Structure formats: C-alpha cells, structure tokens
Protein backbone atom coordinates (compact mmCIF):
# COMPACT_ATOMS: atom_id res chain seq x y z
CA UNK A 1 4.27 4.38 16.72
CA UNK A 2 2.08 3.11 13.97
CA UNK A 3 3.07 2.46 10.37
CA UNK A 4 1.17 4.28 7.63
CA UNK A 5 1.75 5.19 4.10
CA UNK A 6 2.38 8.73 2.53
CA UNK A 7 2.84 9.79 -1.00
CA UNK A 8 6.19 11.05 -2.28
CA UNK A 9 7.13 12.52 -5.70
CA UNK A 10 10.57 12.01 -7.52
CA UNK A 11 11.02 15.63 -8.72
CA UNK A 12 13.73 14.50 -11.26
CA UNK A 13 11.37 11.85 -12.77
CA UNK A 14 8.14 13.99 -12.91
CA UNK A 15 7.46 15.77 -16.04
CA UNK A 16 4.34 17.67 -14.82
CA UNK A 17 1.59 15.80 -16.76
CA UNK A 18 -0.78 16.19 -13.74
CA UNK A 19 -2.53 12.91 -13.95
CA UNK A 20 -1.96 12.22 -10.30
CA UNK A 21 -3.79 15.36 -9.36
CA UNK A 22 -6.69 14.38 -11.54
CA UNK A 23 -6.87 11.09 -9.80
CA UNK A 24 -6.36 12.27 -6.19
CA UNK A 25 -7.27 16.02 -5.92
CA UNK A 26 -7.94 15.49 -2.26
CA UNK A 27 -4.25 15.20 -1.69
CA UNK A 28 -2.47 16.49 -4.80
CA UNK A 29 -2.61 19.96 -6.25
CA UNK A 30 -0.52 21.37 -9.06
CA UNK A 31 1.86 24.31 -8.99
CA UNK A 32 1.87 27.06 -11.59
CA UNK A 33 4.06 24.78 -13.88
CA UNK A 34 1.86 21.80 -13.50
CA UNK A 35 4.13 19.92 -11.02
CA UNK A 36 2.41 18.05 -7.96
CA UNK A 37 2.41 19.40 -4.54
CA UNK A 38 1.37 16.74 -2.04
CA UNK A 39 -0.43 17.19 1.13
CA UNK A 40 1.93 16.23 3.86
CA UNK A 41 1.00 13.27 6.16
CA UNK A 42 -0.32 9.79 5.88
CA UNK A 43 -2.91 8.77 3.24
CA UNK A 44 -6.28 8.39 4.82
CA UNK A 45 -7.68 4.89 4.52
CA UNK A 46 -10.64 5.88 2.41
CA UNK A 47 -8.30 7.36 -0.12
CA UNK A 48 -5.78 4.65 -0.25
CA UNK A 49 -7.34 2.98 -3.42
CA UNK A 50 -7.11 6.38 -5.32
CA UNK A 51 -3.55 6.92 -4.08
CA UNK A 52 -2.53 3.52 -5.29
CA UNK A 53 -4.12 4.27 -8.58
CA UNK A 54 -2.22 7.61 -8.89
CA UNK A 55 0.98 5.70 -8.21
CA UNK A 56 0.21 2.90 -10.84
CA UNK A 57 -1.05 5.21 -13.46
CA UNK A 58 1.91 7.76 -13.35
CA UNK A 59 3.36 7.48 -16.85
CA UNK A 60 6.90 8.20 -15.73
CA UNK A 61 6.66 6.32 -12.36
CA UNK A 62 7.47 9.61 -10.36
CA UNK A 63 5.01 9.08 -7.52
CA UNK A 64 5.32 6.46 -4.88
CA UNK A 65 3.66 5.27 -1.51
CA UNK A 66 6.10 5.07 1.26
CA UNK A 67 5.98 3.97 4.87
CA UNK A 68 5.89 6.84 7.23
CA UNK A 69 6.46 6.60 11.01
CA UNK A 70 3.85 8.57 12.85
CA UNK A 71 3.78 9.21 16.55
CA UNK A 72 0.81 8.42 18.64
CA UNK A 73 -1.52 11.18 19.81
CA UNK A 74 0.07 11.36 23.29
CA UNK A 75 3.01 13.50 22.16
CA UNK A 76 3.22 16.12 19.43
CA UNK A 77 5.60 15.23 16.70
CA UNK A 78 8.83 17.04 17.16
CA UNK A 79 8.05 17.86 20.84
CA UNK A 80 10.95 16.82 23.25
CA UNK A 81 10.41 13.93 25.51
CA UNK A 82 9.89 14.59 29.12
CA UNK A 83 12.70 13.63 31.51
CA UNK A 84 12.07 10.91 33.89
CA UNK A 85 12.37 11.85 37.57
C-alpha cells in the first residue's frame, strides 16, 4: 500500500462560500446550494499545490488534506483476497 493525500470537507463547519471550488475546480464542484462536492480519491501530484492552497485559504477551515490508504494496482479495492492453497 502507498500513502497519498485526499481532500475532505467538514460539512458542519462549511458555510458554502465556494472559494475552494474556485481554487481547485479540477477536484471540487459545488452543489445547487454552493456546498463543495469533492472528487473521491487521492489528489494528483500536479494538483497538490492548489489543493494545499484551497485548504489554507478556506475562511472557516472546513477543508483538509488527509492521508488515504490506497491499494496497489494488483488487486481492485474492495475485492476479496484470494485464498492460499
């Protein structure tokens, strides 16, 4: 397994200003009320700077980068392990 970072939103803190989606539209879109919907999965390396900026610039500190465990390409996530013979 490798360690990568993914975005998460504290929906209690978020007040729907939408600044995060302006900074990182590649991964964050807004719902009809203006609250963020985050693309699931790890943040690509080429977007990490913008993701960190979205976290830093959130006026209510509602968005964060968290470590996410991702499985290697050898086995699909959620797929059962094969039994040893």
